[in-house]
Structure formats: structure tokens, C-alpha cells
Protein backbone atom coordinates (compact mmCIF):
# COMPACT_ATOMS: atom_id res chain seq x y z
CA MET A 1 22.06 3.29 16.81
CA SER A 2 22.35 -0.21 15.37
CA LYS A 3 20.30 -1.24 12.38
CA LEU A 4 17.62 -3.86 12.65
CA LYS A 5 18.27 -6.90 10.50
CA ALA A 6 15.65 -7.71 7.87
CA GLY A 7 15.21 -10.87 5.84
CA LEU A 8 13.55 -10.46 2.45
CA VAL A 9 11.22 -13.21 1.24
CA GLY A 10 10.16 -13.10 -2.41
CA CYS A 11 12.81 -12.09 -4.94
CA GLY A 12 10.53 -10.99 -7.76
CA ASN A 13 10.51 -7.67 -9.63
CA ILE A 14 9.41 -5.54 -6.67
CA SER A 15 12.37 -6.70 -4.58
CA ASP A 16 14.85 -4.64 -6.60
CA ILE A 17 13.62 -1.27 -5.35
CA TYR A 18 13.57 -2.46 -1.73
CA LEU A 19 17.10 -3.86 -2.05
CA LYS A 20 18.33 -0.68 -3.70
CA ASN A 21 16.65 1.79 -1.32
CA SER A 22 17.42 -0.08 1.89
CA ALA A 23 21.02 1.08 1.68
CA ALA A 24 19.87 4.69 2.23
CA PHE A 25 18.03 3.97 5.48
CA GLU A 26 19.77 3.87 8.85
CA ALA A 27 16.91 1.97 10.51
CA PHE A 28 17.38 -1.43 8.90
CA GLY A 29 19.55 -3.46 6.59
CA ILE A 30 18.61 -6.47 4.50
CA VAL A 31 20.91 -9.34 5.47
CA ALA A 32 19.22 -12.26 3.70
CA CYS A 33 17.31 -12.95 0.47
CA ALA A 34 14.96 -15.93 0.40
CA ASP A 35 12.79 -17.43 -2.31
CA VAL A 36 11.22 -20.79 -3.09
CA ASP A 37 13.50 -20.63 -6.16
CA LEU A 38 16.88 -20.70 -4.42
CA ASP A 39 18.72 -19.74 -7.62
CA ARG A 40 16.67 -16.55 -7.80
CA ALA A 41 17.53 -15.74 -4.18
CA LYS A 42 21.24 -16.30 -4.91
CA GLU A 43 21.01 -14.06 -7.98
CA LYS A 44 19.48 -11.18 -6.00
CA ALA A 45 21.91 -11.62 -3.12
CA ALA A 46 24.86 -11.44 -5.49
CA GLN A 47 23.43 -8.45 -7.38
CA PHE A 48 22.93 -6.39 -4.21
CA ASN A 49 25.76 -7.75 -2.05
CA ILE A 50 23.45 -9.41 0.47
CA PRO A 51 25.42 -11.83 2.64
CA MET A 52 22.90 -14.71 2.73
CA ALA A 53 20.68 -16.49 0.19
CA CYS A 54 18.36 -19.19 1.42
CA THR A 55 14.90 -20.75 1.34
CA PRO A 56 12.04 -19.06 3.24
CA GLN A 57 12.09 -21.78 5.89
CA GLN A 58 15.82 -21.33 6.46
CA LEU A 59 15.31 -17.59 6.84
CA MET A 60 12.65 -18.15 9.50
CA GLU A 61 15.11 -20.25 11.48
CA GLU A 62 17.76 -17.49 11.54
CA PRO A 63 17.72 -16.13 15.13
CA ASP A 64 19.39 -12.79 14.32
CA ILE A 65 16.75 -11.57 11.85
CA ASP A 66 14.49 -9.00 13.51
CA PHE A 67 11.76 -8.70 10.87
CA VAL A 68 10.70 -10.19 7.59
CA LEU A 69 10.10 -8.16 4.43
CA ASN A 70 7.31 -10.18 2.81
CA LEU A 71 7.40 -9.44 -0.94
CA THR A 72 5.73 -12.65 -2.08
CA PRO A 73 2.67 -12.77 -4.41
CA PRO A 74 -0.61 -11.72 -2.72
CA SER A 75 -1.92 -15.30 -2.61
CA VAL A 76 0.78 -16.30 -0.12
CA HIS A 77 1.09 -13.05 1.88
CA ALA A 78 -0.84 -14.53 4.80
CA GLU A 79 1.08 -17.81 4.80
CA VAL A 80 4.46 -16.06 4.96
CA ALA A 81 3.28 -13.44 7.47
CA LEU A 82 1.91 -16.10 9.83
CA LEU A 83 5.08 -18.16 9.52
CA SER A 84 7.15 -15.06 10.31
CA LEU A 85 5.12 -14.29 13.41
CA LYS A 86 5.21 -17.93 14.54
CA SER A 87 9.00 -17.72 14.20
CA GLY A 88 9.06 -14.72 16.56
CA LYS A 89 9.76 -12.12 13.88
CA HIS A 90 7.96 -8.88 13.12
CA VAL A 91 6.70 -8.74 9.53
CA TYR A 92 6.27 -5.97 6.96
CA SER A 93 4.44 -7.07 3.80
CA GLU A 94 3.68 -5.78 0.36
CA LYS A 95 0.03 -4.97 -0.27
CA PRO A 96 -2.55 -6.29 0.27
CA LEU A 97 -2.28 -7.66 3.82
CA SER A 98 -3.90 -10.87 2.54
CA VAL A 99 -6.51 -11.84 -0.03
CA THR A 100 -9.23 -12.68 2.51
CA ARG A 101 -10.56 -10.96 5.60
CA SER A 102 -10.29 -14.17 7.64
CA ASP A 103 -6.57 -14.56 6.91
CA ALA A 104 -5.99 -10.90 7.77
CA GLU A 105 -7.73 -11.43 11.11
CA LYS A 106 -5.40 -14.35 11.81
CA ILE A 107 -2.35 -12.18 11.10
CA VAL A 108 -3.51 -9.39 13.41
CA ALA A 109 -4.43 -11.87 16.15
CA ALA A 110 -1.11 -13.73 15.89
CA ALA A 111 0.85 -10.48 16.18
CA GLU A 112 -1.11 -9.37 19.23
CA GLU A 113 -0.72 -12.78 20.88
CA ARG A 114 3.06 -12.74 20.44
CA GLY A 115 3.64 -9.03 21.10
CA LEU A 116 4.97 -8.47 17.58
CA MET A 117 4.35 -5.73 15.02
CA VAL A 118 2.80 -5.96 11.57
CA GLY A 119 3.45 -3.35 8.91
CA ASN A 120 2.20 -3.19 5.36
CA SER A 121 2.62 -1.23 2.18
CA PRO A 122 1.69 0.94 0.42
CA ASP A 123 4.01 3.57 1.81
CA THR A 124 3.58 6.05 -1.04
CA PHE A 125 1.35 8.16 1.23
CA LEU A 126 4.54 8.98 3.17
CA GLY A 127 5.98 10.70 0.08
CA GLY A 128 6.08 14.44 -0.50
CA GLY A 129 2.97 14.61 -2.68
CA ILE A 130 0.39 13.04 -0.34
CA GLN A 131 2.06 14.49 2.77
CA THR A 132 1.65 17.96 1.25
CA CYS A 133 -2.08 17.30 0.75
CA ARG A 134 -2.38 16.33 4.42
CA HIS A 135 -0.53 19.54 5.39
CA ILE A 136 -3.03 21.60 3.38
CA ILE A 137 -5.97 19.90 5.11
CA ASP A 138 -4.42 20.15 8.59
CA GLN A 139 -3.81 23.87 8.03
CA GLY A 140 -7.52 24.34 7.31
CA MET A 141 -6.93 25.73 3.84
CA ILE A 142 -9.92 23.91 2.30
CA GLY A 143 -12.04 23.69 5.45
CA GLU A 144 -13.50 20.35 6.45
CA PRO A 145 -13.36 17.48 3.92
CA VAL A 146 -16.81 16.91 2.43
CA SER A 147 -16.25 14.44 -0.39
CA ALA A 148 -13.70 13.00 -2.79
CA ALA A 149 -13.53 11.27 -6.16
CA ALA A 150 -10.89 8.68 -7.05
CA PHE A 151 -10.22 6.91 -10.36
CA MET A 152 -7.80 4.13 -11.34
CA MET A 153 -8.78 3.14 -14.87
CA ASN A 154 -6.86 1.38 -17.65
CA HIS A 155 -7.20 -1.73 -19.80
CA GLY A 156 -5.12 -4.13 -17.77
CA HIS A 157 -1.62 -5.56 -17.95
CA GLU A 158 -1.71 -8.27 -20.61
CA HIS A 159 -0.48 -5.98 -23.36
CA TRP A 160 2.84 -5.18 -21.63
CA HIS A 161 3.48 -7.38 -18.57
CA PRO A 162 5.52 -10.56 -19.27
CA ASN A 163 3.48 -12.60 -16.73
CA PRO A 164 0.12 -10.86 -16.20
CA ASP A 165 -1.82 -13.92 -15.00
CA PHE A 166 -2.06 -13.03 -11.29
CA TYR A 167 -3.64 -9.66 -12.06
CA TYR A 168 -6.76 -11.58 -13.11
CA GLN A 169 -6.88 -14.02 -10.21
CA THR A 170 -8.07 -13.78 -6.60
CA GLY A 171 -6.04 -11.07 -4.88
CA GLY A 172 -5.58 -9.25 -8.17
CA GLY A 173 -7.98 -7.22 -10.28
CA PRO A 174 -7.93 -3.43 -10.23
CA LEU A 175 -9.36 -3.14 -6.71
CA PHE A 176 -6.93 -5.44 -4.87
CA ASP A 177 -3.98 -4.50 -7.09
CA MET A 178 -4.29 -0.70 -7.05
CA GLY A 179 -7.09 -0.03 -4.57
CA PRO A 180 -4.73 -0.11 -1.55
CA TYR A 181 -2.93 2.99 -2.85
CA TYR A 182 -6.16 4.92 -3.27
CA LEU A 183 -7.89 3.75 -0.10
CA THR A 184 -4.80 4.24 2.06
CA THR A 185 -4.45 7.79 0.72
CA LEU A 186 -8.11 8.60 1.34
CA ILE A 187 -7.91 7.24 4.90
CA PHE A 188 -4.71 9.21 5.54
CA LEU A 189 -6.44 12.39 4.35
CA MET A 190 -9.98 11.86 5.70
CA GLY A 191 -9.83 9.17 8.38
CA PRO A 192 -11.36 5.68 8.66
CA ILE A 193 -14.28 4.37 6.60
CA HIS A 194 -17.68 3.58 8.13
CA GLN A 195 -19.41 1.71 5.30
CA VAL A 196 -19.08 0.94 1.59
CA THR A 197 -21.43 0.24 -1.28
CA GLY A 198 -20.18 -1.38 -4.46
CA THR A 199 -20.80 -2.97 -7.81
CA ALA A 200 -18.19 -5.40 -9.15
CA LYS A 201 -18.16 -7.43 -12.35
CA MET A 202 -15.94 -9.32 -14.80
CA THR A 203 -16.48 -7.71 -18.21
CA TYR A 204 -14.33 -10.16 -20.19
CA PRO A 205 -14.13 -13.87 -19.20
CA GLU A 206 -10.64 -14.17 -20.64
CA ARG A 207 -7.76 -11.98 -21.74
CA THR A 208 -5.23 -12.42 -24.56
CA ILE A 209 -1.58 -11.68 -23.79
CA THR A 210 0.00 -9.41 -26.40
CA SER A 211 3.38 -8.83 -24.76
CA ASP A 212 6.26 -10.38 -26.70
CA GLU A 213 7.22 -13.27 -24.44
CA ARG A 214 3.81 -15.00 -24.37
CA TYR A 215 2.02 -13.40 -27.30
CA GLY A 216 -1.35 -14.99 -28.01
CA GLU A 217 -1.76 -16.95 -24.76
CA LYS A 218 -5.15 -16.78 -23.06
CA ILE A 219 -5.77 -15.90 -19.39
CA LYS A 220 -8.93 -16.98 -17.61
CA VAL A 221 -10.35 -14.12 -15.53
CA THR A 222 -11.53 -15.14 -12.04
CA THR A 223 -11.80 -11.78 -10.25
CA PRO A 224 -13.78 -8.57 -10.89
CA THR A 225 -12.18 -6.18 -13.38
CA GLN A 226 -14.69 -3.29 -13.14
CA VAL A 227 -15.46 -2.00 -9.63
CA ASN A 228 -17.52 1.09 -8.77
CA ALA A 229 -17.95 2.04 -5.11
CA VAL A 230 -19.17 4.69 -2.69
CA LEU A 231 -17.28 5.09 0.58
CA ASP A 232 -18.85 6.69 3.67
CA PHE A 233 -16.27 7.90 6.19
CA GLU A 234 -16.64 8.07 9.96
CA ASN A 235 -16.27 11.87 9.86
CA GLY A 236 -19.33 12.20 7.58
CA ALA A 237 -17.44 12.67 4.32
CA ALA A 238 -18.10 10.47 1.27
CA ALA A 239 -16.04 9.39 -1.72
CA SER A 240 -16.67 7.82 -5.10
CA LEU A 241 -14.14 5.22 -6.28
CA ILE A 242 -13.78 3.52 -9.67
CA THR A 243 -11.10 0.92 -10.33
CA SER A 244 -11.07 -0.67 -13.76
CA PHE A 245 -9.09 -2.93 -16.06
CA ASP A 246 -11.86 -2.50 -18.64
CA THR A 247 -11.30 1.13 -19.69
CA TRP A 248 -9.45 2.07 -22.87
CA HIS A 249 -9.29 5.84 -22.38
CA HIS A 250 -10.41 8.52 -19.91
CA ARG A 251 -9.62 12.08 -18.78
CA LEU A 252 -10.38 11.77 -15.08
CA PRO A 253 -8.01 12.73 -12.24
CA HIS A 254 -6.35 10.28 -9.88
CA ILE A 255 -8.00 11.86 -6.82
CA GLU A 256 -9.79 15.14 -6.12
CA LEU A 257 -10.77 16.10 -2.59
CA TYR A 258 -13.52 18.65 -1.95
CA GLY A 259 -13.68 20.64 1.27
CA SER A 260 -16.11 23.16 2.74
CA GLU A 261 -13.82 26.03 1.64
CA GLY A 262 -11.93 24.68 -1.36
CA SER A 263 -10.57 21.71 -3.28
CA ILE A 264 -7.33 19.79 -3.80
CA VAL A 265 -6.11 17.86 -6.82
CA VAL A 266 -4.23 14.97 -5.19
CA PRO A 267 -1.36 13.39 -7.16
CA ASP A 268 -1.07 9.77 -8.26
CA PRO A 269 -1.17 7.74 -5.01
CA ASN A 270 1.12 5.14 -6.60
CA ARG A 271 3.90 7.75 -6.65
CA PHE A 272 5.77 9.68 -4.00
CA ASP A 273 5.84 13.08 -5.72
CA GLY A 274 3.35 15.71 -6.90
CA PRO A 275 2.10 17.93 -8.35
CA VAL A 276 -0.52 19.20 -5.89
CA TYR A 277 -3.09 21.82 -6.92
CA VAL A 278 -5.33 23.88 -4.63
CA ARG A 279 -8.23 26.23 -5.28
CA ARG A 280 -10.13 27.94 -2.48
CA PHE A 281 -13.75 29.07 -2.78
CA ASP A 282 -12.70 32.70 -3.42
CA GLU A 283 -10.03 32.00 -6.05
CA GLU A 284 -10.60 32.08 -9.80
CA ASN A 285 -7.85 29.64 -10.75
CA TRP A 286 -6.06 26.55 -9.52
CA SER A 287 -2.53 27.06 -8.21
CA GLU A 288 0.24 24.51 -7.79
CA TYR A 289 1.17 24.20 -4.13
CA PRO A 290 4.90 23.75 -3.35
CA LEU A 291 5.64 20.38 -1.81
CA THR A 292 6.16 20.66 1.94
CA HIS A 293 7.85 17.28 2.43
CA GLY A 294 10.75 15.27 1.07
CA PHE A 295 10.88 11.76 -0.35
CA THR A 296 9.64 12.64 -3.82
CA GLU A 297 11.69 10.02 -5.66
CA ASN A 298 10.69 6.34 -5.72
CA SER A 299 11.19 5.80 -1.98
CA ARG A 300 9.63 2.35 -1.56
CA GLY A 301 11.00 1.02 1.67
CA LEU A 302 10.28 4.26 3.53
CA GLY A 303 7.38 2.52 5.24
CA ALA A 304 9.70 -0.33 6.25
CA ALA A 305 12.15 2.22 7.68
CA ASP A 306 9.38 3.83 9.73
CA PHE A 307 8.34 0.30 10.75
CA ALA A 308 11.87 -0.43 12.00
CA TYR A 309 11.93 2.79 14.03
CA ALA A 310 8.49 1.92 15.41
CA ILE A 311 9.85 -1.41 16.65
CA MET A 312 12.78 0.32 18.35
CA ASP A 313 10.68 3.15 19.77
CA ASP A 314 7.69 0.97 20.73
CA ARG A 315 5.13 3.05 18.84
CA PRO A 316 2.63 2.18 16.08
CA PRO A 317 4.09 2.26 12.56
CA ARG A 318 2.44 4.64 10.12
CA ALA A 319 2.02 1.95 7.44
CA SER A 320 0.55 -0.39 10.02
CA GLY A 321 -1.15 -3.75 9.90
CA THR A 322 -4.22 -2.15 11.46
CA LEU A 323 -4.43 0.33 8.58
CA ALA A 324 -3.86 -2.45 6.03
CA PHE A 325 -6.58 -4.59 7.61
CA HIS A 326 -9.01 -1.66 7.43
CA VAL A 327 -8.16 -1.21 3.73
CA LEU A 328 -8.68 -4.93 3.10
CA ASP A 329 -11.95 -4.88 5.02
CA ALA A 330 -13.15 -2.03 2.79
CA MET A 331 -12.11 -3.79 -0.42
CA GLN A 332 -13.67 -7.09 0.56
CA GLY A 333 -16.70 -5.15 1.76
CA ILE A 334 -17.14 -3.63 -1.69
CA TYR A 335 -17.31 -7.14 -3.14
CA ASP A 336 -19.67 -8.23 -0.34
CA SER A 337 -21.90 -5.25 -1.02
CA SER A 338 -22.03 -6.04 -4.72
CA GLN A 339 -23.04 -9.66 -4.05
CA ALA A 340 -25.61 -8.81 -1.36
CA GLY A 341 -27.04 -5.71 -3.01
CA LYS A 342 -26.76 -3.57 0.13
CA HIS A 343 -24.35 -1.47 2.18
CA TYR A 344 -21.50 -3.20 3.99
CA LYS A 345 -20.66 -1.73 7.41
CA LEU A 346 -16.97 -2.26 8.12
CA SER A 347 -16.07 -4.54 11.02
CA SER A 348 -12.79 -2.69 11.52
CA THR A 349 -11.49 0.81 12.09
CA CYS A 350 -8.07 2.43 12.47
CA GLU A 351 -6.38 5.61 13.56
CA LYS A 352 -5.58 8.17 10.88
CA PRO A 353 -1.78 7.83 10.54
CA ASP A 354 0.36 10.68 11.83
CA PRO A 355 1.98 12.82 9.14
CA LEU A 356 5.73 12.95 8.80
CA PRO A 357 7.61 16.09 9.92
CA ALA A 358 7.93 18.59 7.10
CA ASN A 359 11.73 18.75 7.38
CA LEU A 360 12.33 15.02 7.22
CA THR A 361 14.78 13.94 4.51
CA GLU A 362 16.91 10.95 3.65
CA GLN A 363 19.72 12.55 5.66
CA ASN A 364 17.80 13.00 8.93
CA ILE A 365 15.28 10.16 8.77
CA ASP A 366 16.68 8.91 12.06
CA ASP A 367 14.69 11.74 13.66
CA LEU A 368 11.79 9.29 13.36
CA LEU A 369 13.16 7.60 16.45
CA SER A 370 12.02 10.53 18.58
CA LEU A 371 8.54 10.89 17.07
CA LYS A 372 6.63 8.87 19.67
CA ASN A 373 4.28 11.76 20.37
CA HIS A 374 4.43 13.54 17.00
């Protein structure tokens, strides 16, 4: 099997883990690094022995590149994705799919028109922790999912991040920054969302950077930083979600899922590992459940590997554009609900992604090629 050739656009901090992990995957190899700052692209290419460094436009003109890894800031995700598709290349992007529902619709439509595939992170739900939770549910250990509670709460990034500005602009905030991990996990475990209800607000109009490089600088906040929502799923289950950059301290879990016969403590959806805890209705104590799946290290790029196999095998990728659009529709719907003061019924839906095989590891990931009907 020959690898697909990927061109990476956006050589920021997140690119390092993709460049490092890509070497472990047989499905694709990164052959070009591109950035609007050509010096940055050259630096990354040299660091990771990538043969080509270029501008994004030059990368789009390369005929041998099969798909684009779009790791640009959220505000330009749609621009780069649409340019990739126009250039005849499949595209796999970092989250979110775009910062507006209308741009996401354009991406999906352009891919369908050209017969190309769109994939999108997060891919952490493919890791051993979340896959184990899906195994528990599929085995019927907690009965039918009834409800869930999910919490992503901290006090923002300005106290540690060297350039925290974009976290407080459109496409940032706790919902668009971290919500994709939580919503993707909930959809993977419980299926698509029917409607959402939300309250969103900006608690502080500006933030003060206290990290060393820019200590004392002010950031104007232009996006909600406290978001509370209720999600109603198509299967009748419901979930409560809080995402916040306005919380100093809390003792709440990442995610708990409650079934008709028991409950699961779901691990951090921004990680690939566990632990996973289960307690059935007739048990007095929680017990840690052994992980059933591999990929428990930082395996970012696993979704891109599955995406590459999906292209070769002509099947939907697990971390698909359809899933990412549904997540975006839910997030934007939470804002819409807050502004309108009523439920928002989602305009989209998606299939619940297939789980990975329990015996899949870095060594036999090429088995994905034969999973068309898994």
C-alpha cells in the first residue's frame, strides 16, 4: 500500500504533534509544510525533515498532494478548506469546521459537488478512553443512555498562553475552543442532537495577560466566555453542558453518562486515555474499567490516518465533515438560542461514528483499510 501525500497548512504550535505522529501512520505522509510566514514553514520542514516548504497557494498548486491538513487559526479554516477543495484536494481540518454555519455549509456543498472528502478534528474520541466508554454502552452494561452532564470550566488562557488573544475572539471562547471535544464525544456515545437550549454571556469585557512575554497587555473580549446549555438528543436522551472561561475553581467531572441500569465516568475528552469508571444499579461502589482499545498516548493525527484510509477505501471517515458540521450547528445553535430566548432545532444531523476495533494498535492500524462494513 502506498501512502497518501498530505500537505500541511498552518505551522503553529499544534503542527508539531501532527508532524511527529504522522511518521507512525502507514496511511499518509506529510510531504509539504506551508504557512503565510514562509520562514516558519521552512523552520518546521527542517525540524521534521519535510521535503518541501512553501506558501499555502504554492501548496494548492502541487498536483501530487492528495489532501490538505488544515491547521490554521479557526478564523481562516473555511477559507483554506474551500481553497483546498477548489484545488481538487480532500481536506482534513483542525476544529472547528468553521466559525459560522454558513461557511460550514459552503465547505460541505463544495466537497459534495467535487466528489471530495472532508474530515475534521477532534479525533480524541478515537482514543482508548472514549472508545472504552462506547464499548461499555454497546455491551448494554448501563442499559440505554438517559442523560449526561459535561463540564469544561477554567479561568481562561491569559495567565499562561503567550498569545491568548484568539481565545477571546469569534471562533474562540470556551464553547468553540473546547466544546467540539465534549460535543463530539457525546454524539459518539449517544448519537446526534435534536435541539439545544442555551445561555451565553461575556462576564468580563477585557482580560489582562499575565504570562511573561506580554505581561500587563489588555485583550478585548468579543465572544461569550460563560455558556450553559441543555442538549436534547434524537434518541430521547438529554445532557447538560457548561463551558466557561469565568470559573476559578470547581470539583465537577469532565463527563458523566447516566443509563437506565448504571453510570459511567467518562475521561477528559481532550485526551486519548482514561481512566473510565462504571457503576451499575446493583453495585455499591464505582470500579475502574480496563481500557479495551489502544491509542492512549497523545495520538493526534489518528483521525487524519482514518481519513486517509477512508479516501482509499471509499467509505465515510469517522472524524467526518458531516459530524463536524453537526457539532458546529449545535454550538452556533446554543448562541442562537441564547439570543432568541427559545429552543434551537438543529438543521443538521449525522450518523453516530463507528467504533474502532478493540485490537487496533499503532502496529496494525492498516487494518482500517478493510473496515468498510465494520
